[in-house]
Amino acid sequence: MLLKSTRDVIHEYTRCYSRIHDILFKSTRHITQEYTAFYSRVHEMLITSIRDVTQEYTAYYSRVHDILLKSTRDVTQEYTRCYSRVHEMLLKSTYFITDRNTP
């Protein structure tokens, strides 16, 4: 009787721990799946946001580059026009001075 009772208790413990193991295994698997899905979503969000930020920076620096290029070109053209006018004025005045001093 004691042997049968001991065997029944061991059997019951075994079934209990087997069910507990299954529950823990399932919950661990579900947690792992949830964890993986979560980090996969976070990873995608980061990749997307990094790509978006990179595109925004690229567009910004491209616009700034265009503005600087245009302003540099405009300043260069203005300097060229200015020095060309000054050069002509100096030539005319030099010619006028030279022409007047010629006997």
N, C-alpha and C. Protein backbone atom coordinates (compact mmCIF):
# COMPACT_ATOMS: atom_id res chain seq x y z
N MET A 1 0.82 -1.19 0.00
CA MET A 1 0.00 0.00 0.00
C MET A 1 0.87 1.26 0.00
N LEU A 2 1.88 1.29 0.85
CA LEU A 2 2.79 2.42 0.93
C LEU A 2 3.54 2.60 -0.39
N LEU A 3 3.93 1.49 -0.99
CA LEU A 3 4.65 1.53 -2.25
C LEU A 3 3.76 2.10 -3.36
N LYS A 4 2.51 1.64 -3.42
CA LYS A 4 1.56 2.13 -4.41
C LYS A 4 1.29 3.60 -4.18
N SER A 5 1.13 3.97 -2.95
CA SER A 5 0.88 5.36 -2.59
C SER A 5 2.08 6.24 -2.98
N THR A 6 3.27 5.76 -2.71
CA THR A 6 4.48 6.50 -3.08
C THR A 6 4.58 6.64 -4.59
N ARG A 7 4.29 5.55 -5.29
CA ARG A 7 4.32 5.56 -6.75
C ARG A 7 3.28 6.54 -7.30
N ASP A 8 2.10 6.57 -6.73
CA ASP A 8 1.04 7.49 -7.16
C ASP A 8 1.45 8.95 -6.93
N VAL A 9 2.07 9.21 -5.78
CA VAL A 9 2.51 10.56 -5.45
C VAL A 9 3.60 11.00 -6.43
N ILE A 10 4.55 10.10 -6.69
CA ILE A 10 5.63 10.41 -7.64
C ILE A 10 5.05 10.66 -9.03
N HIS A 11 4.10 9.82 -9.41
CA HIS A 11 3.45 9.97 -10.71
C HIS A 11 2.72 11.32 -10.80
N GLU A 12 2.03 11.67 -9.74
CA GLU A 12 1.30 12.94 -9.70
C GLU A 12 2.27 14.12 -9.77
N TYR A 13 3.35 14.05 -9.01
CA TYR A 13 4.38 15.09 -9.05
C TYR A 13 4.95 15.21 -10.47
N THR A 14 5.20 14.10 -11.07
CA THR A 14 5.77 14.09 -12.43
C THR A 14 4.83 14.77 -13.41
N ARG A 15 3.54 14.43 -13.32
CA ARG A 15 2.55 15.07 -14.20
C ARG A 15 2.46 16.57 -13.93
N CYS A 16 2.45 16.93 -12.66
CA CYS A 16 2.38 18.35 -12.28
C CYS A 16 3.58 19.11 -12.85
N TYR A 17 4.78 18.58 -12.62
CA TYR A 17 5.98 19.26 -13.10
C TYR A 17 6.06 19.24 -14.62
N SER A 18 5.51 18.23 -15.23
CA SER A 18 5.46 18.18 -16.69
C SER A 18 4.54 19.29 -17.21
N ARG A 19 3.39 19.47 -16.59
CA ARG A 19 2.47 20.54 -16.99
C ARG A 19 3.09 21.92 -16.72
N ILE A 20 3.74 22.05 -15.56
CA ILE A 20 4.41 23.32 -15.22
C ILE A 20 5.50 23.62 -16.25
N HIS A 21 6.25 22.58 -16.60
CA HIS A 21 7.30 22.74 -17.61
C HIS A 21 6.69 23.20 -18.93
N ASP A 22 5.59 22.58 -19.35
CA ASP A 22 4.93 22.95 -20.60
C ASP A 22 4.46 24.41 -20.56
N ILE A 23 3.85 24.79 -19.44
CA ILE A 23 3.37 26.17 -19.30
C ILE A 23 4.53 27.15 -19.39
N LEU A 24 5.61 26.86 -18.65
CA LEU A 24 6.77 27.74 -18.66
C LEU A 24 7.43 27.77 -20.03
N PHE A 25 7.50 26.62 -20.66
CA PHE A 25 8.11 26.54 -21.99
C PHE A 25 7.31 27.37 -22.99
N LYS A 26 5.96 27.22 -22.95
CA LYS A 26 5.10 27.99 -23.85
C LYS A 26 5.23 29.48 -23.58
N SER A 27 5.19 29.85 -22.31
CA SER A 27 5.27 31.28 -21.99
C SER A 27 6.64 31.83 -22.37
N THR A 28 7.69 31.04 -22.16
CA THR A 28 9.04 31.48 -22.57
C THR A 28 9.10 31.65 -24.08
N ARG A 29 8.52 30.70 -24.80
CA ARG A 29 8.50 30.78 -26.26
C ARG A 29 7.71 32.01 -26.70
N HIS A 30 6.57 32.25 -26.07
CA HIS A 30 5.75 33.43 -26.42
C HIS A 30 6.49 34.73 -26.09
N ILE A 31 7.15 34.74 -24.95
CA ILE A 31 7.92 35.93 -24.58
C ILE A 31 9.05 36.15 -25.58
N THR A 32 9.72 35.07 -25.96
CA THR A 32 10.80 35.18 -26.94
C THR A 32 10.27 35.69 -28.28
N GLN A 33 9.13 35.17 -28.70
CA GLN A 33 8.53 35.62 -29.95
C GLN A 33 8.14 37.10 -29.86
N GLU A 34 7.56 37.48 -28.73
CA GLU A 34 7.15 38.87 -28.54
C GLU A 34 8.38 39.77 -28.52
N TYR A 35 9.40 39.35 -27.82
CA TYR A 35 10.67 40.10 -27.73
C TYR A 35 11.28 40.28 -29.12
N THR A 36 11.31 39.19 -29.87
CA THR A 36 11.88 39.24 -31.22
C THR A 36 11.06 40.16 -32.11
N ALA A 37 9.74 40.05 -32.06
CA ALA A 37 8.87 40.91 -32.87
C ALA A 37 9.05 42.38 -32.48
N PHE A 38 9.11 42.64 -31.17
CA PHE A 38 9.29 44.01 -30.68
C PHE A 38 10.58 44.61 -31.20
N TYR A 39 11.70 43.90 -31.02
CA TYR A 39 12.98 44.43 -31.46
C TYR A 39 13.09 44.49 -32.97
N SER A 40 12.39 43.64 -33.64
CA SER A 40 12.35 43.72 -35.10
C SER A 40 11.64 45.00 -35.53
N ARG A 41 10.51 45.32 -34.87
CA ARG A 41 9.79 46.57 -35.16
C ARG A 41 10.65 47.79 -34.81
N VAL A 42 11.29 47.74 -33.65
CA VAL A 42 12.15 48.85 -33.23
C VAL A 42 13.30 49.02 -34.22
N HIS A 43 13.89 47.92 -34.63
CA HIS A 43 14.98 47.95 -35.60
C HIS A 43 14.51 48.59 -36.90
N GLU A 44 13.36 48.19 -37.39
CA GLU A 44 12.81 48.77 -38.63
C GLU A 44 12.56 50.26 -38.46
N MET A 45 12.01 50.63 -37.30
CA MET A 45 11.74 52.05 -37.04
C MET A 45 13.03 52.84 -37.05
N LEU A 46 14.07 52.30 -36.41
CA LEU A 46 15.36 52.99 -36.37
C LEU A 46 15.98 53.09 -37.76
N ILE A 47 15.93 51.99 -38.51
CA ILE A 47 16.47 52.01 -39.87
C ILE A 47 15.72 53.06 -40.69
N THR A 48 14.40 53.05 -40.60
CA THR A 48 13.58 54.02 -41.34
C THR A 48 13.89 55.43 -40.89
N SER A 49 13.96 55.64 -39.58
CA SER A 49 14.22 57.00 -39.10
C SER A 49 15.62 57.46 -39.47
N ILE A 50 16.60 56.57 -39.41
CA ILE A 50 17.95 56.93 -39.81
C ILE A 50 17.97 57.28 -41.30
N ARG A 51 17.26 56.49 -42.08
CA ARG A 51 17.19 56.76 -43.52
C ARG A 51 16.49 58.10 -43.76
N ASP A 52 15.39 58.35 -43.03
CA ASP A 52 14.67 59.62 -43.18
C ASP A 52 15.53 60.80 -42.76
N VAL A 53 16.22 60.66 -41.63
CA VAL A 53 17.09 61.73 -41.15
C VAL A 53 18.23 61.97 -42.15
N THR A 54 18.80 60.89 -42.66
CA THR A 54 19.89 61.01 -43.64
C THR A 54 19.40 61.72 -44.89
N GLN A 55 18.21 61.35 -45.37
CA GLN A 55 17.65 62.00 -46.55
C GLN A 55 17.40 63.48 -46.29
N GLU A 56 16.89 63.79 -45.09
CA GLU A 56 16.61 65.19 -44.73
C GLU A 56 17.91 65.99 -44.67
N TYR A 57 18.94 65.43 -44.02
CA TYR A 57 20.24 66.11 -43.98
C TYR A 57 20.80 66.30 -45.38
N THR A 58 20.70 65.29 -46.21
CA THR A 58 21.22 65.38 -47.57
C THR A 58 20.49 66.48 -48.33
N ALA A 59 19.17 66.50 -48.22
CA ALA A 59 18.40 67.54 -48.90
C ALA A 59 18.76 68.93 -48.37
N TYR A 60 18.90 69.06 -47.06
CA TYR A 60 19.26 70.34 -46.44
C TYR A 60 20.62 70.81 -46.93
N TYR A 61 21.63 69.95 -46.86
CA TYR A 61 22.96 70.35 -47.29
C TYR A 61 23.03 70.60 -48.79
N SER A 62 22.20 69.93 -49.54
CA SER A 62 22.13 70.18 -50.98
C SER A 62 21.57 71.58 -51.23
N ARG A 63 20.50 71.94 -50.50
CA ARG A 63 19.92 73.28 -50.65
C ARG A 63 20.92 74.35 -50.22
N VAL A 64 21.59 74.12 -49.09
CA VAL A 64 22.59 75.09 -48.60
C VAL A 64 23.71 75.23 -49.62
N HIS A 65 24.15 74.10 -50.16
CA HIS A 65 25.21 74.12 -51.18
C HIS A 65 24.77 74.96 -52.38
N ASP A 66 23.53 74.75 -52.83
CA ASP A 66 23.01 75.50 -53.98
C ASP A 66 22.97 77.00 -53.68
N ILE A 67 22.52 77.35 -52.46
CA ILE A 67 22.46 78.77 -52.07
C ILE A 67 23.86 79.37 -52.05
N LEU A 68 24.81 78.66 -51.45
CA LEU A 68 26.19 79.16 -51.38
C LEU A 68 26.80 79.27 -52.78
N LEU A 69 26.53 78.28 -53.61
CA LEU A 69 27.07 78.30 -54.97
C LEU A 69 26.52 79.50 -55.74
N LYS A 70 25.21 79.72 -55.63
CA LYS A 70 24.58 80.84 -56.32
C LYS A 70 25.11 82.16 -55.79
N SER A 71 25.19 82.30 -54.47
CA SER A 71 25.67 83.57 -53.91
C SER A 71 27.14 83.80 -54.28
N THR A 72 27.93 82.75 -54.29
CA THR A 72 29.34 82.89 -54.69
C THR A 72 29.42 83.32 -56.15
N ARG A 73 28.61 82.71 -57.00
CA ARG A 73 28.58 83.08 -58.42
C ARG A 73 28.13 84.53 -58.59
N ASP A 74 27.08 84.92 -57.86
CA ASP A 74 26.57 86.29 -57.95
C ASP A 74 27.62 87.30 -57.47
N VAL A 75 28.29 86.98 -56.36
CA VAL A 75 29.33 87.88 -55.84
C VAL A 75 30.48 87.98 -56.83
N THR A 76 30.87 86.86 -57.40
CA THR A 76 31.95 86.87 -58.39
C THR A 76 31.58 87.72 -59.60
N GLN A 77 30.35 87.57 -60.07
CA GLN A 77 29.90 88.36 -61.22
C GLN A 77 29.88 89.85 -60.87
N GLU A 78 29.41 90.16 -59.67
CA GLU A 78 29.35 91.56 -59.24
C GLU A 78 30.75 92.15 -59.12
N TYR A 79 31.69 91.40 -58.53
CA TYR A 79 33.08 91.86 -58.45
C TYR A 79 33.65 92.08 -59.85
N THR A 80 33.37 91.16 -60.75
CA THR A 80 33.88 91.26 -62.11
C THR A 80 33.33 92.51 -62.78
N ARG A 81 32.02 92.74 -62.67
CA ARG A 81 31.41 93.94 -63.25
C ARG A 81 32.00 95.21 -62.64
N CYS A 82 32.12 95.19 -61.31
CA CYS A 82 32.63 96.35 -60.59
C CYS A 82 34.06 96.67 -61.03
N TYR A 83 34.93 95.68 -61.01
CA TYR A 83 36.32 95.91 -61.38
C TYR A 83 36.46 96.24 -62.86
N SER A 84 35.56 95.72 -63.66
CA SER A 84 35.58 96.05 -65.09
C SER A 84 35.25 97.52 -65.27
N ARG A 85 34.22 98.01 -64.57
CA ARG A 85 33.85 99.43 -64.66
C ARG A 85 34.98 100.31 -64.13
N VAL A 86 35.55 99.90 -62.97
CA VAL A 86 36.66 100.67 -62.40
C VAL A 86 37.84 100.69 -63.36
N HIS A 87 38.12 99.56 -63.96
CA HIS A 87 39.22 99.47 -64.91
C HIS A 87 38.99 100.41 -66.09
N GLU A 88 37.76 100.40 -66.62
CA GLU A 88 37.44 101.29 -67.73
C GLU A 88 37.57 102.74 -67.31
N MET A 89 37.09 103.08 -66.12
CA MET A 89 37.19 104.45 -65.62
C MET A 89 38.65 104.87 -65.50
N LEU A 90 39.46 103.97 -64.94
CA LEU A 90 40.88 104.29 -64.80
C LEU A 90 41.55 104.44 -66.15
N LEU A 91 41.18 103.58 -67.09
CA LEU A 91 41.75 103.71 -68.43
C LEU A 91 41.37 105.04 -69.07
N LYS A 92 40.09 105.39 -68.95
CA LYS A 92 39.61 106.65 -69.53
C LYS A 92 40.32 107.83 -68.88
N SER A 93 40.40 107.78 -67.54
CA SER A 93 41.05 108.91 -66.87
C SER A 93 42.53 108.97 -67.21
N THR A 94 43.18 107.82 -67.33
CA THR A 94 44.58 107.79 -67.71
C THR A 94 44.74 108.32 -69.13
N TYR A 95 43.85 107.91 -70.00
CA TYR A 95 43.88 108.37 -71.40
C TYR A 95 43.65 109.87 -71.45
N PHE A 96 42.66 110.33 -70.65
CA PHE A 96 42.34 111.75 -70.61
C PHE A 96 43.54 112.55 -70.11
N ILE A 97 44.15 112.04 -69.03
CA ILE A 97 45.32 112.73 -68.46
C ILE A 97 46.47 112.71 -69.46
N THR A 98 46.70 111.58 -70.07
CA THR A 98 47.79 111.44 -71.04
C THR A 98 47.53 112.31 -72.25
N ASP A 99 46.28 112.31 -72.71
CA ASP A 99 45.91 113.06 -73.89
C ASP A 99 46.06 114.57 -73.63
N ARG A 100 45.74 115.02 -72.47
CA ARG A 100 45.82 116.44 -72.13
C ARG A 100 47.26 116.89 -71.97
N ASN A 101 48.11 115.98 -71.53
CA ASN A 101 49.50 116.34 -71.32
C ASN A 101 50.37 116.20 -72.57
N THR A 102 49.78 115.75 -73.61
CA THR A 102 50.53 115.59 -74.85
C THR A 102 50.64 116.96 -75.51
N PRO A 103 51.86 117.35 -75.89
CA PRO A 103 52.04 118.69 -76.48
C PRO A 103 51.46 118.81 -77.88
